[in-house]
Amino acid sequence: MDWHDYIHSDPRILVGKPVVRGSRLSVEFILRLFAAGWSEEQVLASYPSLTPEALRAVFAYAAEGLRDEKLYELATGT
């Protein structure tokens, strides 16, 4: 999956946030929908301009962004 075909950034659209090409739907917004418990079917039904391929590109973009990140174990507070 080459997310570049689906995700782009333009300073004139949402202050340059990465968005799904041809929309004003940011990668962050779509990821937050999934984090809130939305299903793929709900997202696609609510935003008919999105395709299943565009959703996969959102996750591919996020995964690539995290690939070189250093993650640290969070304290559980117990």
N, C-alpha and C. Protein backbone atom coordinates (compact mmCIF):
# COMPACT_ATOMS: atom_id res chain seq x y z
N MET A 1 0.86 -1.19 0.00
CA MET A 1 0.00 0.00 0.00
C MET A 1 0.89 1.23 0.00
N ASP A 2 0.72 2.07 -0.99
CA ASP A 2 1.44 3.35 -1.04
C ASP A 2 0.47 4.45 -0.60
N TRP A 3 0.61 4.86 0.65
CA TRP A 3 -0.33 5.85 1.19
C TRP A 3 -0.23 7.18 0.46
N HIS A 4 0.87 7.44 -0.22
CA HIS A 4 1.04 8.71 -0.94
C HIS A 4 -0.05 8.93 -1.99
N ASP A 5 -0.63 7.85 -2.48
CA ASP A 5 -1.71 7.97 -3.47
C ASP A 5 -2.99 8.51 -2.85
N TYR A 6 -3.12 8.43 -1.53
CA TYR A 6 -4.37 8.78 -0.86
C TYR A 6 -4.25 9.91 0.15
N ILE A 7 -3.07 10.13 0.69
CA ILE A 7 -2.88 11.11 1.76
C ILE A 7 -1.96 12.22 1.25
N HIS A 8 -2.34 13.46 1.53
CA HIS A 8 -1.46 14.56 1.17
C HIS A 8 -1.63 15.71 2.15
N SER A 9 -0.72 16.64 2.06
CA SER A 9 -0.73 17.81 2.93
C SER A 9 -0.59 19.06 2.07
N ASP A 10 -1.42 20.04 2.37
CA ASP A 10 -1.40 21.31 1.63
C ASP A 10 -1.63 22.40 2.66
N PRO A 11 -0.74 23.38 2.75
CA PRO A 11 -0.91 24.42 3.76
C PRO A 11 -2.22 25.19 3.64
N ARG A 12 -2.88 25.10 2.50
CA ARG A 12 -4.17 25.79 2.32
C ARG A 12 -5.36 24.96 2.80
N ILE A 13 -5.10 23.70 3.16
CA ILE A 13 -6.18 22.81 3.62
C ILE A 13 -5.87 22.40 5.06
N LEU A 14 -6.75 22.76 5.97
CA LEU A 14 -6.61 22.43 7.40
C LEU A 14 -5.21 22.73 7.93
N VAL A 15 -4.69 23.86 7.55
CA VAL A 15 -3.40 24.34 8.02
C VAL A 15 -2.28 23.32 7.76
N GLY A 16 -2.41 22.57 6.70
CA GLY A 16 -1.36 21.63 6.33
C GLY A 16 -1.42 20.26 6.97
N LYS A 17 -2.48 20.00 7.75
CA LYS A 17 -2.61 18.66 8.33
C LYS A 17 -2.75 17.64 7.20
N PRO A 18 -2.22 16.43 7.38
CA PRO A 18 -2.41 15.39 6.37
C PRO A 18 -3.90 15.04 6.26
N VAL A 19 -4.39 15.03 5.05
CA VAL A 19 -5.80 14.72 4.79
C VAL A 19 -5.90 13.66 3.71
N VAL A 20 -7.08 13.04 3.64
CA VAL A 20 -7.36 12.13 2.54
C VAL A 20 -7.54 12.97 1.30
N ARG A 21 -6.81 12.64 0.26
CA ARG A 21 -6.84 13.39 -0.99
C ARG A 21 -8.29 13.56 -1.48
N GLY A 22 -8.61 14.78 -1.89
CA GLY A 22 -9.95 15.07 -2.39
C GLY A 22 -10.97 15.35 -1.31
N SER A 23 -10.51 15.43 -0.06
CA SER A 23 -11.43 15.71 1.05
C SER A 23 -10.78 16.68 2.01
N ARG A 24 -11.52 17.06 3.01
CA ARG A 24 -10.98 17.84 4.12
C ARG A 24 -10.97 16.99 5.39
N LEU A 25 -10.95 15.68 5.23
CA LEU A 25 -10.93 14.76 6.35
C LEU A 25 -9.48 14.45 6.71
N SER A 26 -9.09 14.89 7.90
CA SER A 26 -7.70 14.69 8.31
C SER A 26 -7.47 13.26 8.79
N VAL A 27 -6.23 12.83 8.66
CA VAL A 27 -5.83 11.52 9.17
C VAL A 27 -6.14 11.46 10.66
N GLU A 28 -5.82 12.51 11.38
CA GLU A 28 -6.07 12.55 12.82
C GLU A 28 -7.56 12.35 13.12
N PHE A 29 -8.44 13.04 12.39
CA PHE A 29 -9.89 12.93 12.60
C PHE A 29 -10.35 11.49 12.40
N ILE A 30 -9.89 10.88 11.33
CA ILE A 30 -10.33 9.51 11.03
C ILE A 30 -9.81 8.54 12.10
N LEU A 31 -8.57 8.70 12.51
CA LEU A 31 -8.04 7.83 13.56
C LEU A 31 -8.82 8.00 14.87
N ARG A 32 -9.21 9.23 15.16
CA ARG A 32 -10.00 9.48 16.38
C ARG A 32 -11.38 8.81 16.31
N LEU A 33 -11.97 8.74 15.13
CA LEU A 33 -13.24 8.03 14.98
C LEU A 33 -13.07 6.57 15.38
N PHE A 34 -12.00 5.94 14.86
CA PHE A 34 -11.76 4.54 15.21
C PHE A 34 -11.45 4.39 16.70
N ALA A 35 -10.69 5.33 17.26
CA ALA A 35 -10.37 5.28 18.69
C ALA A 35 -11.64 5.41 19.53
N ALA A 36 -12.64 6.12 19.00
CA ALA A 36 -13.90 6.29 19.73
C ALA A 36 -14.83 5.09 19.55
N GLY A 37 -14.38 4.09 18.78
CA GLY A 37 -15.18 2.87 18.64
C GLY A 37 -15.96 2.73 17.35
N TRP A 38 -15.79 3.68 16.42
CA TRP A 38 -16.50 3.56 15.15
C TRP A 38 -15.95 2.36 14.38
N SER A 39 -16.81 1.71 13.64
CA SER A 39 -16.39 0.61 12.78
C SER A 39 -16.07 1.15 11.38
N GLU A 40 -15.41 0.35 10.59
CA GLU A 40 -15.13 0.74 9.21
C GLU A 40 -16.43 1.02 8.47
N GLU A 41 -17.43 0.20 8.70
CA GLU A 41 -18.72 0.39 8.04
C GLU A 41 -19.35 1.73 8.42
N GLN A 42 -19.27 2.10 9.70
CA GLN A 42 -19.83 3.38 10.14
C GLN A 42 -19.09 4.56 9.51
N VAL A 43 -17.78 4.48 9.45
CA VAL A 43 -17.00 5.57 8.87
C VAL A 43 -17.33 5.72 7.40
N LEU A 44 -17.34 4.60 6.66
CA LEU A 44 -17.61 4.66 5.22
C LEU A 44 -19.04 5.14 4.94
N ALA A 45 -19.99 4.74 5.77
CA ALA A 45 -21.37 5.18 5.58
C ALA A 45 -21.53 6.67 5.89
N SER A 46 -20.81 7.15 6.89
CA SER A 46 -20.93 8.55 7.29
C SER A 46 -20.15 9.49 6.38
N TYR A 47 -19.13 8.99 5.73
CA TYR A 47 -18.29 9.80 4.85
C TYR A 47 -18.15 9.08 3.51
N PRO A 48 -19.18 9.17 2.67
CA PRO A 48 -19.21 8.38 1.44
C PRO A 48 -18.09 8.69 0.44
N SER A 49 -17.39 9.80 0.62
CA SER A 49 -16.28 10.08 -0.28
C SER A 49 -15.07 9.20 0.03
N LEU A 50 -15.04 8.59 1.22
CA LEU A 50 -13.94 7.70 1.59
C LEU A 50 -14.13 6.33 0.96
N THR A 51 -13.02 5.69 0.69
CA THR A 51 -13.04 4.31 0.18
C THR A 51 -12.30 3.41 1.18
N PRO A 52 -12.52 2.12 1.09
CA PRO A 52 -11.75 1.22 1.95
C PRO A 52 -10.25 1.38 1.75
N GLU A 53 -9.83 1.64 0.51
CA GLU A 53 -8.41 1.83 0.23
C GLU A 53 -7.88 3.09 0.93
N ALA A 54 -8.68 4.16 0.94
CA ALA A 54 -8.26 5.39 1.61
C ALA A 54 -8.12 5.15 3.12
N LEU A 55 -9.01 4.34 3.68
CA LEU A 55 -8.89 4.04 5.12
C LEU A 55 -7.62 3.24 5.39
N ARG A 56 -7.30 2.29 4.54
CA ARG A 56 -6.05 1.54 4.72
C ARG A 56 -4.86 2.48 4.61
N ALA A 57 -4.94 3.45 3.72
CA ALA A 57 -3.86 4.43 3.58
C ALA A 57 -3.69 5.25 4.84
N VAL A 58 -4.79 5.59 5.51
CA VAL A 58 -4.71 6.33 6.77
C VAL A 58 -3.89 5.53 7.79
N PHE A 59 -4.17 4.23 7.89
CA PHE A 59 -3.43 3.40 8.84
C PHE A 59 -1.99 3.19 8.39
N ALA A 60 -1.75 3.06 7.09
CA ALA A 60 -0.39 2.92 6.58
C ALA A 60 0.43 4.18 6.88
N TYR A 61 -0.19 5.34 6.70
CA TYR A 61 0.47 6.61 7.00
C TYR A 61 0.83 6.67 8.49
N ALA A 62 -0.11 6.34 9.35
CA ALA A 62 0.13 6.38 10.79
C ALA A 62 1.21 5.38 11.19
N ALA A 63 1.17 4.19 10.62
CA ALA A 63 2.16 3.16 10.95
C ALA A 63 3.56 3.61 10.52
N GLU A 64 3.66 4.21 9.34
CA GLU A 64 4.97 4.68 8.89
C GLU A 64 5.49 5.80 9.79
N GLY A 65 4.59 6.66 10.24
CA GLY A 65 4.99 7.75 11.12
C GLY A 65 5.50 7.25 12.46
N LEU A 66 5.03 6.11 12.89
CA LEU A 66 5.43 5.55 14.19
C LEU A 66 6.61 4.59 14.08
N ARG A 67 6.97 4.21 12.88
CA ARG A 67 7.98 3.18 12.68
C ARG A 67 9.29 3.50 13.42
N ASP A 68 9.75 4.70 13.35
CA ASP A 68 11.03 5.06 13.95
C ASP A 68 10.89 5.74 15.31
N GLU A 69 9.69 5.82 15.82
CA GLU A 69 9.45 6.42 17.13
C GLU A 69 9.94 5.49 18.23
N LYS A 70 10.44 6.09 19.28
CA LYS A 70 10.80 5.32 20.47
C LYS A 70 9.61 5.36 21.40
N LEU A 71 9.15 4.19 21.79
CA LEU A 71 8.02 4.10 22.70
C LEU A 71 8.52 3.71 24.08
N TYR A 72 7.89 4.26 25.06
CA TYR A 72 8.29 4.01 26.44
C TYR A 72 7.12 3.44 27.20
N GLU A 73 7.41 2.53 28.11
CA GLU A 73 6.38 1.94 28.94
C GLU A 73 5.80 3.01 29.86
N LEU A 74 4.48 3.06 29.91
CA LEU A 74 3.81 4.03 30.77
C LEU A 74 3.56 3.40 32.13
N ALA A 75 3.73 4.20 33.16
CA ALA A 75 3.44 3.72 34.52
C ALA A 75 1.95 3.53 34.66
N THR A 76 1.55 2.49 35.36
CA THR A 76 0.13 2.20 35.52
C THR A 76 -0.48 2.91 36.72
N GLY A 77 0.34 3.50 37.55
CA GLY A 77 -0.19 4.23 38.70
C GLY A 77 -0.55 3.34 39.88
N THR A 78 -0.14 2.09 39.84
CA THR A 78 -0.45 1.20 40.97
C THR A 78 0.70 1.07 41.91
